[in-house]
Amino acid sequence: RNEAWDVARELLRDGVNQRHLAEQVQPLRMRLNELEQRLREQQEAERLLAEFCKRQGKNYDFDELEALHQELEARIAALSDTVSNASEQRMTLRQELEQLQSRSKTLLQRAPIWLAAQSSLNQLSEQCGQECSSSQDVTEYMQQLLEREREAIVERDEVGARKRDVDEEIERLSQPGGSEDPRLNALAERFGGVLLSEIYDDVGLDDAPYFSALYGPS
């Protein structure tokens, strides 16, 4: 009888343990699926970052992408100013040239041709800060301004394209599972905790104990 009682008690204990394990299967399976999904998302983010670095010919981490984004914005602003200044200078010189041509026409009616032309060229040289001995010099100088403007526009467009690439990369890495620091993910997986950034938009450090009690290590 005592032996039967011991066996029954042992079977009862095993039944309780088996039931407890059965209750844990579904949560563990869900947790495993979640971790597998997070791993796939992290691998996809790493792949996208590797492709971006390959296109740029340089290795970047996520923090460096933000710095690069700001640098490109500053360069675009500077190049836009350069283009704007070149356009304004070209327009000003064109207006001055038209005025000088009009004045030269008037002078031609009152003075020898060579004197009027020389006077106009001297004034134009002073205005543009470059020696102009003929109308060809003036035309060449304006062509130089146009060329500088075109170069600035091309460079601005190239920098704009790089900025768009950075913006797209940041957007990809900002998607759920893509923006976490891999080191944080590693810590969360190591301690069996969760990243609160995946659940709430902003959680202060002062609230961490509460969420740790709710979700486990956070």
N, C-alpha and C. Protein backbone atom coordinates (compact mmCIF):
# COMPACT_ATOMS: atom_id res chain seq x y z
N ARG A 1 0.83 -1.21 0.00
CA ARG A 1 0.00 0.00 0.00
C ARG A 1 0.86 1.26 0.00
N ASN A 2 1.89 1.25 0.82
CA ASN A 2 2.78 2.42 0.86
C ASN A 2 3.47 2.63 -0.48
N GLU A 3 3.85 1.53 -1.10
CA GLU A 3 4.51 1.65 -2.41
C GLU A 3 3.55 2.21 -3.45
N ALA A 4 2.30 1.74 -3.41
CA ALA A 4 1.30 2.26 -4.35
C ALA A 4 1.07 3.75 -4.13
N TRP A 5 1.06 4.15 -2.87
CA TRP A 5 0.89 5.58 -2.56
C TRP A 5 2.05 6.40 -3.11
N ASP A 6 3.26 5.89 -2.94
CA ASP A 6 4.43 6.62 -3.46
C ASP A 6 4.37 6.74 -4.98
N VAL A 7 3.97 5.63 -5.63
CA VAL A 7 3.87 5.66 -7.09
C VAL A 7 2.81 6.66 -7.53
N ALA A 8 1.67 6.65 -6.85
CA ALA A 8 0.59 7.58 -7.21
C ALA A 8 1.03 9.03 -7.02
N ARG A 9 1.72 9.27 -5.91
CA ARG A 9 2.18 10.63 -5.66
C ARG A 9 3.20 11.07 -6.70
N GLU A 10 4.07 10.16 -7.10
CA GLU A 10 5.06 10.48 -8.13
C GLU A 10 4.38 10.75 -9.47
N LEU A 11 3.37 9.93 -9.79
CA LEU A 11 2.64 10.16 -11.04
C LEU A 11 1.90 11.49 -11.02
N LEU A 12 1.34 11.82 -9.86
CA LEU A 12 0.64 13.11 -9.74
C LEU A 12 1.61 14.27 -9.93
N ARG A 13 2.80 14.13 -9.33
CA ARG A 13 3.80 15.18 -9.49
C ARG A 13 4.24 15.31 -10.95
N ASP A 14 4.44 14.15 -11.60
CA ASP A 14 4.81 14.19 -13.01
C ASP A 14 3.72 14.83 -13.85
N GLY A 15 2.46 14.53 -13.51
CA GLY A 15 1.35 15.13 -14.27
C GLY A 15 1.34 16.64 -14.14
N VAL A 16 1.60 17.13 -12.93
CA VAL A 16 1.65 18.59 -12.73
C VAL A 16 2.78 19.19 -13.55
N ASN A 17 3.95 18.53 -13.52
CA ASN A 17 5.09 19.04 -14.28
C ASN A 17 4.81 19.03 -15.78
N GLN A 18 4.20 17.95 -16.24
CA GLN A 18 3.89 17.87 -17.67
C GLN A 18 2.90 18.95 -18.08
N ARG A 19 1.91 19.18 -17.23
CA ARG A 19 0.92 20.22 -17.54
C ARG A 19 1.59 21.60 -17.58
N HIS A 20 2.50 21.82 -16.62
CA HIS A 20 3.21 23.10 -16.59
C HIS A 20 4.05 23.29 -17.86
N LEU A 21 4.73 22.20 -18.27
CA LEU A 21 5.53 22.28 -19.49
C LEU A 21 4.65 22.51 -20.71
N ALA A 22 3.49 21.87 -20.74
CA ALA A 22 2.59 22.05 -21.88
C ALA A 22 2.11 23.49 -21.97
N GLU A 23 1.88 24.10 -20.79
CA GLU A 23 1.44 25.50 -20.79
C GLU A 23 2.54 26.42 -21.30
N GLN A 24 3.79 26.02 -21.16
CA GLN A 24 4.90 26.86 -21.58
C GLN A 24 5.24 26.70 -23.06
N VAL A 25 4.74 25.67 -23.69
CA VAL A 25 5.11 25.40 -25.09
C VAL A 25 4.70 26.53 -26.01
N GLN A 26 3.42 26.95 -25.93
CA GLN A 26 2.93 27.98 -26.85
C GLN A 26 3.66 29.32 -26.68
N PRO A 27 3.81 29.83 -25.43
CA PRO A 27 4.59 31.08 -25.28
C PRO A 27 6.02 30.94 -25.80
N LEU A 28 6.63 29.79 -25.54
CA LEU A 28 8.00 29.61 -26.02
C LEU A 28 8.05 29.57 -27.54
N ARG A 29 7.05 28.94 -28.15
CA ARG A 29 7.01 28.88 -29.61
C ARG A 29 6.83 30.30 -30.19
N MET A 30 5.93 31.08 -29.56
CA MET A 30 5.73 32.47 -30.01
C MET A 30 7.01 33.28 -29.86
N ARG A 31 7.69 33.09 -28.73
CA ARG A 31 8.94 33.81 -28.51
C ARG A 31 9.98 33.42 -29.55
N LEU A 32 10.05 32.13 -29.87
CA LEU A 32 11.00 31.66 -30.87
C LEU A 32 10.69 32.28 -32.23
N ASN A 33 9.41 32.31 -32.61
CA ASN A 33 9.02 32.93 -33.88
C ASN A 33 9.39 34.41 -33.92
N GLU A 34 9.18 35.06 -32.77
CA GLU A 34 9.52 36.49 -32.70
C GLU A 34 11.02 36.71 -32.89
N LEU A 35 11.82 35.88 -32.22
CA LEU A 35 13.27 36.03 -32.34
C LEU A 35 13.73 35.71 -33.76
N GLU A 36 13.12 34.70 -34.38
CA GLU A 36 13.49 34.38 -35.76
C GLU A 36 13.14 35.52 -36.70
N GLN A 37 11.97 36.15 -36.50
CA GLN A 37 11.58 37.30 -37.33
C GLN A 37 12.55 38.47 -37.13
N ARG A 38 12.92 38.71 -35.87
CA ARG A 38 13.85 39.80 -35.59
C ARG A 38 15.21 39.53 -36.23
N LEU A 39 15.63 38.26 -36.20
CA LEU A 39 16.91 37.91 -36.83
C LEU A 39 16.84 38.15 -38.33
N ARG A 40 15.73 37.76 -38.96
CA ARG A 40 15.60 37.99 -40.41
C ARG A 40 15.61 39.48 -40.73
N GLU A 41 14.92 40.27 -39.91
CA GLU A 41 14.89 41.72 -40.16
C GLU A 41 16.28 42.33 -39.98
N GLN A 42 16.99 41.88 -38.96
CA GLN A 42 18.35 42.38 -38.74
C GLN A 42 19.26 42.01 -39.90
N GLN A 43 19.14 40.77 -40.37
CA GLN A 43 19.96 40.35 -41.51
C GLN A 43 19.62 41.15 -42.76
N GLU A 44 18.33 41.46 -42.96
CA GLU A 44 17.93 42.26 -44.12
C GLU A 44 18.49 43.68 -44.00
N ALA A 45 18.43 44.25 -42.77
CA ALA A 45 18.99 45.59 -42.57
C ALA A 45 20.49 45.59 -42.84
N GLU A 46 21.18 44.56 -42.39
CA GLU A 46 22.62 44.47 -42.64
C GLU A 46 22.90 44.34 -44.13
N ARG A 47 22.06 43.59 -44.84
CA ARG A 47 22.25 43.44 -46.29
C ARG A 47 22.06 44.78 -47.01
N LEU A 48 21.01 45.51 -46.62
CA LEU A 48 20.77 46.82 -47.25
C LEU A 48 21.92 47.78 -46.97
N LEU A 49 22.41 47.76 -45.72
CA LEU A 49 23.53 48.63 -45.38
C LEU A 49 24.77 48.25 -46.17
N ALA A 50 25.01 46.95 -46.35
CA ALA A 50 26.17 46.50 -47.12
C ALA A 50 26.06 46.95 -48.58
N GLU A 51 24.86 46.87 -49.15
CA GLU A 51 24.66 47.33 -50.53
C GLU A 51 24.91 48.82 -50.65
N PHE A 52 24.42 49.57 -49.67
CA PHE A 52 24.64 51.02 -49.69
C PHE A 52 26.13 51.34 -49.61
N CYS A 53 26.84 50.67 -48.70
CA CYS A 53 28.28 50.91 -48.56
C CYS A 53 29.01 50.54 -49.84
N LYS A 54 28.57 49.48 -50.51
CA LYS A 54 29.20 49.08 -51.77
C LYS A 54 29.00 50.15 -52.83
N ARG A 55 27.78 50.72 -52.90
CA ARG A 55 27.53 51.78 -53.88
C ARG A 55 28.38 53.01 -53.60
N GLN A 56 28.57 53.31 -52.30
CA GLN A 56 29.33 54.49 -51.94
C GLN A 56 30.84 54.25 -51.95
N GLY A 57 31.25 52.98 -51.99
CA GLY A 57 32.68 52.67 -51.97
C GLY A 57 33.32 52.93 -50.62
N LYS A 58 32.52 52.89 -49.56
CA LYS A 58 33.04 53.14 -48.22
C LYS A 58 32.13 52.47 -47.21
N ASN A 59 32.72 52.02 -46.10
CA ASN A 59 31.94 51.35 -45.07
C ASN A 59 31.37 52.38 -44.09
N TYR A 60 30.10 52.24 -43.78
CA TYR A 60 29.43 53.11 -42.80
C TYR A 60 28.68 52.23 -41.81
N ASP A 61 28.58 52.73 -40.55
CA ASP A 61 27.62 52.13 -39.64
C ASP A 61 26.42 53.08 -39.54
N PHE A 62 25.40 52.68 -38.79
CA PHE A 62 24.16 53.47 -38.78
C PHE A 62 24.41 54.87 -38.22
N ASP A 63 25.23 54.99 -37.17
CA ASP A 63 25.51 56.31 -36.60
C ASP A 63 26.21 57.20 -37.63
N GLU A 64 27.10 56.63 -38.42
CA GLU A 64 27.81 57.42 -39.43
C GLU A 64 26.87 57.86 -40.55
N LEU A 65 25.79 57.12 -40.79
CA LEU A 65 24.83 57.53 -41.81
C LEU A 65 24.18 58.86 -41.44
N GLU A 66 23.87 59.04 -40.16
CA GLU A 66 23.29 60.31 -39.72
C GLU A 66 24.27 61.44 -39.94
N ALA A 67 25.54 61.22 -39.59
CA ALA A 67 26.56 62.25 -39.79
C ALA A 67 26.73 62.56 -41.27
N LEU A 68 26.73 61.50 -42.11
CA LEU A 68 26.85 61.70 -43.55
C LEU A 68 25.65 62.48 -44.09
N HIS A 69 24.47 62.17 -43.58
CA HIS A 69 23.26 62.89 -44.00
C HIS A 69 23.40 64.39 -43.73
N GLN A 70 23.86 64.73 -42.53
CA GLN A 70 24.03 66.15 -42.19
C GLN A 70 25.12 66.79 -43.04
N GLU A 71 26.20 66.05 -43.29
CA GLU A 71 27.28 66.59 -44.13
C GLU A 71 26.79 66.88 -45.54
N LEU A 72 26.02 65.95 -46.10
CA LEU A 72 25.50 66.15 -47.46
C LEU A 72 24.53 67.31 -47.51
N GLU A 73 23.72 67.46 -46.48
CA GLU A 73 22.80 68.60 -46.45
C GLU A 73 23.58 69.91 -46.45
N ALA A 74 24.66 69.96 -45.65
CA ALA A 74 25.47 71.17 -45.60
C ALA A 74 26.13 71.45 -46.95
N ARG A 75 26.61 70.40 -47.61
CA ARG A 75 27.24 70.59 -48.92
C ARG A 75 26.23 71.05 -49.96
N ILE A 76 25.03 70.48 -49.91
CA ILE A 76 23.99 70.89 -50.86
C ILE A 76 23.65 72.36 -50.65
N ALA A 77 23.55 72.77 -49.37
CA ALA A 77 23.24 74.17 -49.09
C ALA A 77 24.35 75.08 -49.63
N ALA A 78 25.62 74.67 -49.41
CA ALA A 78 26.74 75.48 -49.90
C ALA A 78 26.76 75.54 -51.42
N LEU A 79 26.52 74.40 -52.07
CA LEU A 79 26.51 74.38 -53.54
C LEU A 79 25.34 75.17 -54.10
N SER A 80 24.20 75.12 -53.42
CA SER A 80 23.06 75.91 -53.86
C SER A 80 23.38 77.40 -53.80
N ASP A 81 24.08 77.80 -52.72
CA ASP A 81 24.50 79.20 -52.61
C ASP A 81 25.47 79.55 -53.74
N THR A 82 26.38 78.62 -54.05
CA THR A 82 27.34 78.88 -55.13
C THR A 82 26.63 79.06 -56.46
N VAL A 83 25.67 78.18 -56.73
CA VAL A 83 24.90 78.29 -57.97
C VAL A 83 24.13 79.59 -58.02
N SER A 84 23.51 79.93 -56.89
CA SER A 84 22.73 81.17 -56.84
C SER A 84 23.61 82.39 -57.05
N ASN A 85 24.78 82.39 -56.39
CA ASN A 85 25.69 83.52 -56.54
C ASN A 85 26.21 83.63 -57.97
N ALA A 86 26.53 82.48 -58.59
CA ALA A 86 27.01 82.50 -59.96
C ALA A 86 25.93 83.03 -60.91
N SER A 87 24.69 82.62 -60.66
CA SER A 87 23.59 83.08 -61.51
C SER A 87 23.39 84.58 -61.36
N GLU A 88 23.44 85.05 -60.11
CA GLU A 88 23.27 86.48 -59.87
C GLU A 88 24.40 87.28 -60.50
N GLN A 89 25.64 86.76 -60.35
CA GLN A 89 26.78 87.47 -60.93
C GLN A 89 26.68 87.51 -62.45
N ARG A 90 26.27 86.38 -63.03
CA ARG A 90 26.13 86.34 -64.49
C ARG A 90 25.05 87.32 -64.95
N MET A 91 23.94 87.37 -64.23
CA MET A 91 22.86 88.28 -64.59
C MET A 91 23.31 89.74 -64.45
N THR A 92 24.04 90.01 -63.36
CA THR A 92 24.53 91.38 -63.14
C THR A 92 25.49 91.79 -64.25
N LEU A 93 26.40 90.87 -64.61
CA LEU A 93 27.36 91.19 -65.67
C LEU A 93 26.66 91.38 -67.01
N ARG A 94 25.62 90.57 -67.25
CA ARG A 94 24.88 90.73 -68.50
C ARG A 94 24.21 92.11 -68.56
N GLN A 95 23.61 92.51 -67.44
CA GLN A 95 22.97 93.82 -67.40
C GLN A 95 24.00 94.94 -67.59
N GLU A 96 25.15 94.77 -66.91
CA GLU A 96 26.19 95.79 -67.05
C GLU A 96 26.73 95.83 -68.48
N LEU A 97 26.86 94.65 -69.08
CA LEU A 97 27.33 94.62 -70.46
C LEU A 97 26.35 95.32 -71.39
N GLU A 98 25.05 95.06 -71.17
CA GLU A 98 24.05 95.73 -71.99
C GLU A 98 24.09 97.24 -71.80
N GLN A 99 24.27 97.65 -70.55
CA GLN A 99 24.37 99.09 -70.30
C GLN A 99 25.60 99.69 -70.97
N LEU A 100 26.73 98.95 -70.85
CA LEU A 100 27.95 99.45 -71.47
C LEU A 100 27.85 99.46 -72.99
N GLN A 101 27.17 98.46 -73.53
CA GLN A 101 26.99 98.45 -74.98
C GLN A 101 26.13 99.63 -75.42
N SER A 102 25.10 99.90 -74.62
CA SER A 102 24.26 101.06 -74.94
C SER A 102 25.05 102.36 -74.84
N ARG A 103 25.87 102.43 -73.79
CA ARG A 103 26.68 103.63 -73.62
C ARG A 103 27.72 103.73 -74.73
N SER A 104 28.29 102.56 -75.09
CA SER A 104 29.28 102.57 -76.16
C SER A 104 28.66 103.07 -77.47
N LYS A 105 27.42 102.68 -77.70
CA LYS A 105 26.74 103.14 -78.91
C LYS A 105 26.59 104.66 -78.92
N THR A 106 26.27 105.18 -77.73
CA THR A 106 26.13 106.63 -77.63
C THR A 106 27.47 107.32 -77.86
N LEU A 107 28.52 106.72 -77.24
CA LEU A 107 29.85 107.32 -77.39
C LEU A 107 30.35 107.25 -78.83
N LEU A 108 29.95 106.16 -79.50
CA LEU A 108 30.37 106.03 -80.90
C LEU A 108 29.84 107.18 -81.75
N GLN A 109 28.73 107.72 -81.34
CA GLN A 109 28.15 108.83 -82.09
C GLN A 109 28.86 110.15 -81.77
N ARG A 110 29.64 110.16 -80.67
CA ARG A 110 30.25 111.41 -80.24
C ARG A 110 31.77 111.39 -80.30
N ALA A 111 32.37 110.21 -80.38
CA ALA A 111 33.83 110.15 -80.31
C ALA A 111 34.34 109.08 -81.26
N PRO A 112 35.63 109.06 -81.49
CA PRO A 112 36.22 108.02 -82.35
C PRO A 112 35.89 106.63 -81.81
N ILE A 113 35.79 105.69 -82.72
CA ILE A 113 35.39 104.33 -82.35
C ILE A 113 36.34 103.72 -81.32
N TRP A 114 37.63 103.89 -81.55
CA TRP A 114 38.60 103.25 -80.66
C TRP A 114 38.51 103.78 -79.24
N LEU A 115 38.23 105.09 -79.07
CA LEU A 115 38.17 105.69 -77.74
C LEU A 115 36.95 105.17 -76.97
N ALA A 116 35.81 105.12 -77.65
CA ALA A 116 34.59 104.64 -77.00
C ALA A 116 34.72 103.17 -76.59
N ALA A 117 35.27 102.36 -77.51
CA ALA A 117 35.41 100.94 -77.20
C ALA A 117 36.37 100.72 -76.04
N GLN A 118 37.48 101.46 -76.03
CA GLN A 118 38.46 101.30 -74.96
C GLN A 118 37.88 101.70 -73.62
N SER A 119 37.11 102.76 -73.62
CA SER A 119 36.48 103.21 -72.38
C SER A 119 35.53 102.15 -71.83
N SER A 120 34.73 101.57 -72.72
CA SER A 120 33.78 100.53 -72.28
C SER A 120 34.51 99.31 -71.74
N LEU A 121 35.57 98.91 -72.42
CA LEU A 121 36.32 97.74 -71.97
C LEU A 121 36.97 97.98 -70.62
N ASN A 122 37.49 99.18 -70.42
CA ASN A 122 38.10 99.49 -69.14
C ASN A 122 37.08 99.41 -68.00
N GLN A 123 35.91 99.95 -68.25
CA GLN A 123 34.88 99.90 -67.23
C GLN A 123 34.45 98.46 -66.93
N LEU A 124 34.31 97.68 -67.98
CA LEU A 124 33.92 96.29 -67.78
C LEU A 124 34.99 95.51 -67.02
N SER A 125 36.26 95.80 -67.32
CA SER A 125 37.36 95.14 -66.61
C SER A 125 37.31 95.45 -65.13
N GLU A 126 36.99 96.70 -64.80
CA GLU A 126 36.89 97.08 -63.39
C GLU A 126 35.71 96.38 -62.72
N GLN A 127 34.62 96.25 -63.44
CA GLN A 127 33.42 95.64 -62.87
C GLN A 127 33.64 94.15 -62.57
N CYS A 128 34.26 93.43 -63.48
CA CYS A 128 34.41 91.98 -63.30
C CYS A 128 35.73 91.60 -62.66
N GLY A 129 36.63 92.56 -62.44
CA GLY A 129 37.91 92.26 -61.80
C GLY A 129 38.84 91.44 -62.67
N GLN A 130 38.69 91.52 -63.97
CA GLN A 130 39.53 90.76 -64.90
C GLN A 130 39.87 91.64 -66.10
N GLU A 131 41.11 91.49 -66.55
CA GLU A 131 41.55 92.31 -67.67
C GLU A 131 40.81 91.92 -68.94
N CYS A 132 40.13 92.87 -69.56
CA CYS A 132 39.41 92.64 -70.82
C CYS A 132 39.92 93.65 -71.85
N SER A 133 40.56 93.11 -72.87
CA SER A 133 41.11 93.99 -73.91
C SER A 133 40.27 93.97 -75.17
N SER A 134 39.25 93.09 -75.20
CA SER A 134 38.40 93.02 -76.38
C SER A 134 37.06 92.42 -75.99
N SER A 135 36.11 92.51 -76.92
CA SER A 135 34.80 91.91 -76.67
C SER A 135 34.92 90.39 -76.55
N GLN A 136 35.92 89.83 -77.21
CA GLN A 136 36.13 88.38 -77.11
C GLN A 136 36.50 87.99 -75.68
N ASP A 137 37.31 88.84 -75.02
CA ASP A 137 37.66 88.57 -73.62
C ASP A 137 36.41 88.58 -72.75
N VAL A 138 35.52 89.53 -73.02
CA VAL A 138 34.28 89.61 -72.25
C VAL A 138 33.44 88.35 -72.46
N THR A 139 33.33 87.93 -73.72
CA THR A 139 32.55 86.73 -74.03
C THR A 139 33.14 85.49 -73.36
N GLU A 140 34.48 85.38 -73.40
CA GLU A 140 35.14 84.23 -72.77
C GLU A 140 34.91 84.22 -71.26
N TYR A 141 34.96 85.40 -70.65
CA TYR A 141 34.74 85.48 -69.21
C TYR A 141 33.32 85.05 -68.85
N MET A 142 32.34 85.49 -69.64
CA MET A 142 30.96 85.08 -69.38
C MET A 142 30.80 83.57 -69.59
N GLN A 143 31.51 83.02 -70.58
CA GLN A 143 31.46 81.57 -70.78
C GLN A 143 32.05 80.82 -69.59
N GLN A 144 33.11 81.40 -69.01
CA GLN A 144 33.70 80.79 -67.82
C GLN A 144 32.70 80.77 -66.67
N LEU A 145 31.97 81.89 -66.52
CA LEU A 145 30.95 81.94 -65.47
C LEU A 145 29.87 80.88 -65.70
N LEU A 146 29.45 80.75 -66.95
CA LEU A 146 28.44 79.74 -67.28
C LEU A 146 28.96 78.33 -66.99
N GLU A 147 30.23 78.08 -67.32
CA GLU A 147 30.81 76.76 -67.08
C GLU A 147 30.87 76.46 -65.58
N ARG A 148 31.29 77.47 -64.78
CA ARG A 148 31.33 77.27 -63.33
C ARG A 148 29.94 77.00 -62.78
N GLU A 149 28.97 77.71 -63.33
CA GLU A 149 27.60 77.49 -62.88
C GLU A 149 27.14 76.08 -63.21
N ARG A 150 27.45 75.62 -64.44
CA ARG A 150 27.05 74.26 -64.82
C ARG A 150 27.74 73.22 -63.92
N GLU A 151 29.03 73.42 -63.64
CA GLU A 151 29.75 72.48 -62.79
C GLU A 151 29.14 72.44 -61.39
N ALA A 152 28.78 73.62 -60.87
CA ALA A 152 28.18 73.66 -59.54
C ALA A 152 26.84 72.95 -59.53
N ILE A 153 26.06 73.11 -60.61
CA ILE A 153 24.76 72.45 -60.70
C ILE A 153 24.94 70.93 -60.75
N VAL A 154 25.91 70.46 -61.56
CA VAL A 154 26.16 69.02 -61.66
C VAL A 154 26.57 68.46 -60.30
N GLU A 155 27.49 69.17 -59.63
CA GLU A 155 27.94 68.68 -58.32
C GLU A 155 26.80 68.69 -57.32
N ARG A 156 25.96 69.75 -57.39
CA ARG A 156 24.81 69.80 -56.48
C ARG A 156 23.88 68.63 -56.71
N ASP A 157 23.64 68.30 -58.00
CA ASP A 157 22.74 67.18 -58.31
C ASP A 157 23.34 65.85 -57.83
N GLU A 158 24.68 65.70 -57.98
CA GLU A 158 25.32 64.47 -57.52
C GLU A 158 25.20 64.32 -56.01
N VAL A 159 25.44 65.44 -55.31
CA VAL A 159 25.32 65.39 -53.85
C VAL A 159 23.87 65.13 -53.46
N GLY A 160 22.93 65.72 -54.21
CA GLY A 160 21.52 65.46 -53.94
C GLY A 160 21.17 64.00 -54.10
N ALA A 161 21.75 63.35 -55.13
CA ALA A 161 21.49 61.92 -55.34
C ALA A 161 22.04 61.10 -54.17
N ARG A 162 23.24 61.47 -53.72
CA ARG A 162 23.81 60.75 -52.57
C ARG A 162 22.95 60.95 -51.33
N LYS A 163 22.44 62.18 -51.16
CA LYS A 163 21.59 62.46 -50.01
C LYS A 163 20.31 61.62 -50.06
N ARG A 164 19.76 61.49 -51.29
CA ARG A 164 18.56 60.67 -51.40
C ARG A 164 18.86 59.22 -51.05
N ASP A 165 20.04 58.73 -51.47
CA ASP A 165 20.43 57.36 -51.11
C ASP A 165 20.51 57.21 -49.60
N VAL A 166 21.12 58.22 -48.94
CA VAL A 166 21.24 58.16 -47.48
C VAL A 166 19.87 58.20 -46.83
N ASP A 167 18.98 59.09 -47.36
CA ASP A 167 17.62 59.19 -46.81
C ASP A 167 16.90 57.85 -46.94
N GLU A 168 17.05 57.21 -48.12
CA GLU A 168 16.39 55.92 -48.33
C GLU A 168 16.95 54.86 -47.39
N GLU A 169 18.28 54.90 -47.19
CA GLU A 169 18.90 53.91 -46.31
C GLU A 169 18.43 54.11 -44.87
N ILE A 170 18.36 55.38 -44.44
CA ILE A 170 17.89 55.68 -43.09
C ILE A 170 16.44 55.23 -42.93
N GLU A 171 15.63 55.46 -43.99
CA GLU A 171 14.23 55.05 -43.94
C GLU A 171 14.11 53.53 -43.81
N ARG A 172 14.95 52.81 -44.59
CA ARG A 172 14.91 51.34 -44.50
C ARG A 172 15.31 50.87 -43.10
N LEU A 173 16.39 51.46 -42.58
CA LEU A 173 16.88 51.03 -41.27
C LEU A 173 15.98 51.50 -40.14
N SER A 174 15.09 52.47 -40.44
CA SER A 174 14.17 52.98 -39.43
C SER A 174 12.90 52.14 -39.33
N GLN A 175 12.71 51.18 -40.27
CA GLN A 175 11.53 50.33 -40.22
C GLN A 175 11.63 49.42 -38.99
N PRO A 176 10.49 48.86 -38.54
CA PRO A 176 10.51 47.98 -37.36
C PRO A 176 11.56 46.89 -37.50
N GLY A 177 12.40 46.81 -36.50
CA GLY A 177 13.46 45.79 -36.51
C GLY A 177 14.69 46.23 -37.24
N GLY A 178 14.68 47.36 -37.95
CA GLY A 178 15.82 47.74 -38.75
C GLY A 178 16.69 48.78 -38.09
N SER A 179 16.13 49.53 -37.11
CA SER A 179 16.89 50.64 -36.55
C SER A 179 17.56 50.29 -35.24
N GLU A 180 17.26 49.10 -34.64
CA GLU A 180 17.87 48.78 -33.37
C GLU A 180 19.37 48.59 -33.54
N ASP A 181 20.08 49.02 -32.52
CA ASP A 181 21.51 48.77 -32.50
C ASP A 181 21.71 47.27 -32.30
N PRO A 182 22.48 46.60 -33.17
CA PRO A 182 22.70 45.16 -33.02
C PRO A 182 23.20 44.79 -31.63
N ARG A 183 23.94 45.71 -30.99
CA ARG A 183 24.44 45.41 -29.65
C ARG A 183 23.30 45.32 -28.65
N LEU A 184 22.27 46.21 -28.82
CA LEU A 184 21.11 46.14 -27.92
C LEU A 184 20.34 44.85 -28.14
N ASN A 185 20.18 44.47 -29.42
CA ASN A 185 19.48 43.21 -29.72
C ASN A 185 20.21 42.03 -29.08
N ALA A 186 21.55 42.05 -29.18
CA ALA A 186 22.34 40.96 -28.61
C ALA A 186 22.15 40.88 -27.10
N LEU A 187 22.14 42.06 -26.43
CA LEU A 187 21.94 42.08 -24.98
C LEU A 187 20.55 41.58 -24.61
N ALA A 188 19.55 42.02 -25.39
CA ALA A 188 18.18 41.60 -25.10
C ALA A 188 18.04 40.08 -25.22
N GLU A 189 18.64 39.52 -26.27
CA GLU A 189 18.56 38.07 -26.47
C GLU A 189 19.37 37.33 -25.40
N ARG A 190 20.49 37.90 -25.00
CA ARG A 190 21.34 37.24 -24.01
C ARG A 190 20.64 37.12 -22.66
N PHE A 191 19.95 38.19 -22.25
CA PHE A 191 19.30 38.20 -20.95
C PHE A 191 17.82 37.81 -21.03
N GLY A 192 17.37 37.42 -22.23
CA GLY A 192 15.99 37.00 -22.36
C GLY A 192 15.00 38.12 -22.15
N GLY A 193 15.42 39.36 -22.42
CA GLY A 193 14.55 40.51 -22.23
C GLY A 193 13.98 41.00 -23.55
N VAL A 194 13.38 42.17 -23.50
CA VAL A 194 12.79 42.77 -24.70
C VAL A 194 13.29 44.19 -24.83
N LEU A 195 13.29 44.69 -26.06
CA LEU A 195 13.60 46.10 -26.32
C LEU A 195 12.31 46.90 -26.23
N LEU A 196 12.25 47.82 -25.28
CA LEU A 196 11.01 48.60 -25.12
C LEU A 196 10.70 49.44 -26.35
N SER A 197 11.74 49.77 -27.16
CA SER A 197 11.50 50.58 -28.37
C SER A 197 10.63 49.84 -29.37
N GLU A 198 10.54 48.50 -29.24
CA GLU A 198 9.68 47.75 -30.15
C GLU A 198 8.22 47.79 -29.70
N ILE A 199 7.99 48.22 -28.44
CA ILE A 199 6.62 48.23 -27.91
C ILE A 199 6.08 49.65 -27.77
N TYR A 200 6.93 50.54 -27.27
CA TYR A 200 6.51 51.93 -27.07
C TYR A 200 7.46 52.86 -27.81
N ASP A 201 6.93 54.03 -28.21
CA ASP A 201 7.75 55.00 -28.95
C ASP A 201 8.83 55.60 -28.08
N ASP A 202 8.48 55.97 -26.83
CA ASP A 202 9.49 56.59 -25.96
C ASP A 202 9.22 56.16 -24.52
N VAL A 203 10.25 55.61 -23.91
CA VAL A 203 10.17 55.19 -22.51
C VAL A 203 11.41 55.75 -21.82
N GLY A 204 11.22 56.52 -20.76
CA GLY A 204 12.34 57.08 -20.04
C GLY A 204 13.02 56.04 -19.17
N LEU A 205 14.27 56.34 -18.78
CA LEU A 205 15.01 55.40 -17.94
C LEU A 205 14.34 55.25 -16.58
N ASP A 206 13.67 56.33 -16.10
CA ASP A 206 13.02 56.25 -14.80
C ASP A 206 11.88 55.22 -14.80
N ASP A 207 11.30 54.96 -15.96
CA ASP A 207 10.18 54.00 -16.05
C ASP A 207 10.66 52.57 -16.29
N ALA A 208 11.97 52.39 -16.48
CA ALA A 208 12.48 51.06 -16.82
C ALA A 208 12.14 50.00 -15.77
N PRO A 209 12.23 50.31 -14.44
CA PRO A 209 11.90 49.26 -13.45
C PRO A 209 10.47 48.74 -13.61
N TYR A 210 9.53 49.65 -13.88
CA TYR A 210 8.13 49.22 -14.05
C TYR A 210 7.98 48.26 -15.21
N PHE A 211 8.59 48.63 -16.36
CA PHE A 211 8.45 47.77 -17.54
C PHE A 211 9.26 46.49 -17.40
N SER A 212 10.34 46.55 -16.61
CA SER A 212 11.10 45.32 -16.36
C SER A 212 10.25 44.33 -15.56
N ALA A 213 9.47 44.87 -14.61
CA ALA A 213 8.59 44.01 -13.84
C ALA A 213 7.47 43.44 -14.71
N LEU A 214 7.08 44.23 -15.72
CA LEU A 214 5.97 43.81 -16.58
C LEU A 214 6.41 42.82 -17.65
N TYR A 215 7.57 43.10 -18.28
CA TYR A 215 8.01 42.30 -19.42
C TYR A 215 9.25 41.45 -19.15
N GLY A 216 9.81 41.61 -17.96
CA GLY A 216 11.09 40.97 -17.75
C GLY A 216 12.20 41.99 -18.02
N PRO A 217 13.46 41.58 -18.03
CA PRO A 217 14.56 42.53 -18.27
C PRO A 217 14.30 43.37 -19.50
N SER A 218 14.35 44.71 -19.35
CA SER A 218 14.01 45.62 -20.45
C SER A 218 15.10 46.66 -20.59
